Amino acid sequence: KECAERGPDPECDKKCANRGWCNKDKICQCQEGYLGPYCKAALCYPQCMNNGNCTAPGVCSCPEGYQGRHCEGGICAEKCQNGGKCIQKDSCECPKGYYGLRCEFSKCSIACLNGGRCRGVNKCRCPPGFLGNHCEIGRHIAPGSSCAKACGHGRCATDNTCVCDPGWFGRYCYQRHPHKRKHHDSHTTESSSEVDLEDGRIRHRV
């Protein structure tokens, strides 16, 4: 079939690049992956992005600062942090809750714990099994944990400490606080305690 479509002029065939040939109307017929009057232009689909050049069928030559099959990705000398994506040379696109040249700054003034991710100003998205403003509280504690059965008015954290609800204190959060309490009121002789100044909760190590 190809021979039947070829014209009688071999000189015309020579003008067609990349193994193209002339038809009977002396118009170049291009091999798959090439186009143009003389089959000199390679075809890339999707097209090369960010001013990349298609140098062969499906092959992009990327300008400085870009990479990827279609030159869609940037090259950052320093890696983007916290799930950020390099979108062009030394420029990171940060996920919600992070900012900075490398997405190194969090909008959460207190770091999210236990694998949580900052999703806004002081808002953490916690992984399954954790809750709290900073993902500091475990929903499920391993069987036999001493505080899993003990925290009355509070929750058990993953480090076996009772995090008492506001207004409650004690080793197992069964003691109600007086309305006017001082910092030293939160300490007991039987366990160590820490006050969470942000939400008023008290953590008691059991």
Protein backbone atom coordinates (compact mmCIF):
# COMPACT_ATOMS: atom_id res chain seq x y z
CA LYS A 1 0.00 0.00 0.00
CA GLU A 2 2.82 2.37 0.89
CA CYS A 3 4.48 1.73 -2.47
CA ALA A 4 1.21 2.38 -4.27
CA GLU A 5 0.86 5.75 -2.57
CA ARG A 6 4.40 6.84 -3.37
CA GLY A 7 4.92 9.28 -6.18
CA PRO A 8 7.31 8.72 -9.04
CA ASP A 9 9.66 11.51 -7.90
CA PRO A 10 12.48 10.24 -5.64
CA GLU A 11 13.72 13.80 -5.21
CA CYS A 12 10.46 14.70 -3.52
CA ASP A 13 10.93 11.85 -1.07
CA LYS A 14 14.25 13.31 -0.02
CA LYS A 15 12.53 16.46 1.21
CA CYS A 16 10.41 14.46 3.67
CA ALA A 17 12.30 14.03 6.94
CA ASN A 18 12.09 11.23 9.50
CA ARG A 19 11.33 8.53 6.94
CA GLY A 20 8.41 10.38 5.45
CA TRP A 21 7.57 9.96 1.73
CA CYS A 22 5.75 11.81 -1.03
CA ASN A 23 2.32 10.81 -2.24
CA LYS A 24 1.15 11.16 -5.83
CA ASP A 25 0.38 14.83 -5.18
CA LYS A 26 3.96 15.39 -4.02
CA ILE A 27 2.86 16.02 -0.43
CA CYS A 28 4.86 14.47 2.39
CA GLN A 29 3.19 11.64 4.24
CA CYS A 30 4.68 11.48 7.76
CA GLN A 31 5.46 8.52 9.94
CA GLU A 32 3.45 8.24 13.15
CA GLY A 33 4.71 10.76 15.72
CA TYR A 34 5.78 13.42 13.20
CA LEU A 35 3.97 16.23 11.44
CA GLY A 36 4.52 19.37 9.39
CA PRO A 37 4.97 20.02 5.64
CA TYR A 38 8.23 18.04 5.64
CA CYS A 39 7.63 15.82 8.70
CA LYS A 40 10.27 17.66 10.70
CA ALA A 41 8.16 18.39 13.80
CA ALA A 42 7.79 15.72 16.46
CA LEU A 43 4.46 15.23 18.18
CA CYS A 44 4.16 15.17 21.98
CA TYR A 45 0.81 14.60 23.65
CA PRO A 46 0.12 16.07 26.09
CA GLN A 47 2.19 18.99 24.87
CA CYS A 48 5.43 19.90 26.60
CA MET A 49 4.78 22.39 29.37
CA ASN A 50 6.72 25.40 30.64
CA ASN A 51 8.31 26.15 27.24
CA GLY A 52 9.69 22.65 26.84
CA ASN A 53 10.53 21.43 23.32
CA CYS A 54 9.27 18.21 21.75
CA THR A 55 12.46 16.69 20.31
CA ALA A 56 11.09 13.24 19.42
CA PRO A 57 7.67 11.60 19.54
CA GLY A 58 6.60 11.71 23.17
CA VAL A 59 9.96 13.12 24.34
CA CYS A 60 10.21 16.61 25.85
CA SER A 61 13.41 18.59 26.34
CA CYS A 62 12.82 20.71 29.43
CA PRO A 63 14.22 24.19 30.10
CA GLU A 64 16.42 24.82 33.10
CA GLY A 65 14.53 24.47 36.35
CA TYR A 66 11.94 21.97 35.12
CA GLN A 67 11.67 18.20 34.91
CA GLY A 68 9.20 15.43 34.21
CA ARG A 69 7.97 13.64 31.11
CA HIS A 70 6.10 16.75 30.01
CA CYS A 71 8.26 19.30 31.90
CA GLU A 72 5.40 19.64 34.36
CA GLY A 73 7.50 19.62 37.53
CA GLY A 74 9.97 22.08 38.93
CA ILE A 75 13.44 21.48 40.34
CA CYS A 76 13.95 22.84 43.83
CA ALA A 77 17.49 22.95 45.19
CA GLU A 78 16.02 22.47 48.68
CA LYS A 79 13.23 19.93 49.07
CA CYS A 80 9.74 21.23 49.80
CA GLN A 81 8.67 20.29 53.32
CA ASN A 82 5.41 19.16 54.91
CA GLY A 83 3.97 17.74 51.71
CA GLY A 84 4.75 20.79 49.57
CA LYS A 85 5.13 20.35 45.80
CA CYS A 86 7.86 21.88 43.66
CA ILE A 87 5.97 23.59 40.82
CA GLN A 88 8.78 25.56 39.22
CA LYS A 89 12.43 26.34 39.84
CA ASP A 90 12.93 26.81 43.59
CA SER A 91 9.23 27.48 44.15
CA CYS A 92 7.05 25.30 46.37
CA GLU A 93 3.27 25.03 46.40
CA CYS A 94 2.33 24.50 50.03
CA PRO A 95 -0.59 22.44 51.33
CA LYS A 96 -3.25 24.09 53.44
CA GLY A 97 -1.90 25.02 56.86
CA TYR A 98 1.72 25.60 55.80
CA TYR A 99 3.64 28.49 54.27
CA GLY A 100 7.17 29.71 53.52
CA LEU A 101 9.60 29.29 50.63
CA ARG A 102 9.93 25.59 51.46
CA CYS A 103 6.58 25.20 53.28
CA GLU A 104 8.65 25.01 56.44
CA PHE A 105 6.33 27.13 58.59
CA SER A 106 3.12 25.84 60.12
CA LYS A 107 0.05 27.88 60.93
CA CYS A 108 -0.28 25.73 64.05
CA SER A 109 1.62 27.44 66.87
CA ILE A 110 1.78 24.08 68.66
CA ALA A 111 2.92 21.19 66.51
CA CYS A 112 0.40 18.50 65.62
CA LEU A 113 1.26 15.22 67.34
CA ASN A 114 1.00 11.55 66.43
CA GLY A 115 1.19 12.10 62.69
CA GLY A 116 -1.42 14.86 62.56
CA ARG A 117 -1.21 17.54 59.87
CA CYS A 118 -1.86 21.24 60.28
CA ARG A 119 -4.93 22.18 58.21
CA GLY A 120 -5.32 25.82 59.22
CA VAL A 121 -4.59 28.26 62.01
CA ASN A 122 -4.14 26.01 65.05
CA LYS A 123 -6.28 23.29 63.48
CA CYS A 124 -4.89 19.78 63.20
CA ARG A 125 -6.28 16.95 61.12
CA CYS A 126 -5.67 13.85 63.18
CA PRO A 127 -5.01 10.35 61.84
CA PRO A 128 -7.42 7.54 62.74
CA GLY A 129 -7.26 6.72 66.43
CA PHE A 130 -6.36 10.20 67.68
CA LEU A 131 -8.23 13.36 68.62
CA GLY A 132 -7.73 16.65 70.44
CA ASN A 133 -6.62 20.11 69.37
CA HIS A 134 -3.17 18.74 68.60
CA CYS A 135 -3.99 15.03 68.13
CA GLU A 136 -2.61 14.40 71.60
CA ILE A 137 -5.38 12.08 72.76
CA GLY A 138 -5.67 8.46 71.71
CA ARG A 139 -9.18 7.21 70.96
CA HIS A 140 -8.21 3.59 71.48
CA ILE A 141 -5.73 2.42 74.09
CA ALA A 142 -4.24 -1.05 74.07
CA PRO A 143 -6.04 -3.54 76.36
CA GLY A 144 -4.60 -3.57 79.87
CA SER A 145 -3.52 0.07 79.83
CA SER A 146 -3.73 1.38 83.39
CA CYS A 147 -5.49 4.61 82.47
CA ALA A 148 -7.84 3.26 79.80
CA LYS A 149 -10.24 2.24 82.59
CA ALA A 150 -9.36 5.00 85.03
CA CYS A 151 -10.02 8.47 83.56
CA GLY A 152 -13.38 9.58 84.91
CA HIS A 153 -13.88 13.13 83.65
CA GLY A 154 -11.19 13.11 80.98
CA ARG A 155 -9.53 11.07 78.29
CA CYS A 156 -6.56 8.77 78.22
CA ALA A 157 -3.60 9.88 76.11
CA THR A 158 -1.27 7.49 74.36
CA ASP A 159 1.45 7.96 76.98
CA ASN A 160 -0.87 6.57 79.70
CA THR A 161 -1.74 9.96 81.14
CA CYS A 162 -5.21 11.20 82.01
CA VAL A 163 -6.08 14.48 80.31
CA CYS A 164 -8.78 15.93 82.54
CA ASP A 165 -11.73 17.94 81.27
CA PRO A 166 -11.85 21.60 82.35
CA GLY A 167 -12.90 21.83 85.99
CA TRP A 168 -11.58 18.39 86.96
CA PHE A 169 -8.24 17.17 88.27
CA GLY A 170 -6.59 14.34 90.12
CA ARG A 171 -4.84 11.19 89.09
CA TYR A 172 -7.97 9.83 87.40
CA CYS A 173 -9.89 13.12 86.91
CA TYR A 174 -12.46 12.43 89.64
CA GLN A 175 -11.82 15.57 91.72
CA ARG A 176 -13.65 18.77 90.90
CA HIS A 177 -11.62 21.98 90.89
CA PRO A 178 -12.68 24.94 93.01
CA HIS A 179 -13.71 27.94 90.92
CA LYS A 180 -10.55 29.82 91.81
CA ARG A 181 -7.55 27.58 91.44
CA LYS A 182 -3.88 28.31 91.26
CA HIS A 183 -1.30 26.57 89.20
CA HIS A 184 0.06 24.60 92.16
CA ASP A 185 -3.41 23.15 92.83
CA SER A 186 -2.99 20.86 89.87
CA HIS A 187 -0.14 18.93 91.44
CA THR A 188 -0.84 15.92 93.58
CA THR A 189 1.45 13.84 95.73
CA GLU A 190 0.54 10.60 94.01
CA SER A 191 1.22 11.59 90.43
CA SER A 192 2.86 14.25 88.33
CA SER A 193 0.68 16.80 86.52
CA GLU A 194 0.95 19.27 83.68
CA VAL A 195 -1.45 22.11 82.89
CA ASP A 196 -2.41 22.68 79.27
CA LEU A 197 -2.58 26.46 79.25
CA GLU A 198 -4.38 26.55 75.92
CA ASP A 199 -7.58 24.65 76.70
CA GLY A 200 -7.43 24.49 80.49
CA ARG A 201 -7.09 20.74 80.64
CA ILE A 202 -4.78 19.04 83.09
CA ARG A 203 -2.65 16.04 82.26
CA HIS A 204 -1.94 13.54 85.05
CA ARG A 205 0.63 10.82 84.60
CA VAL A 206 -0.58 7.56 86.09
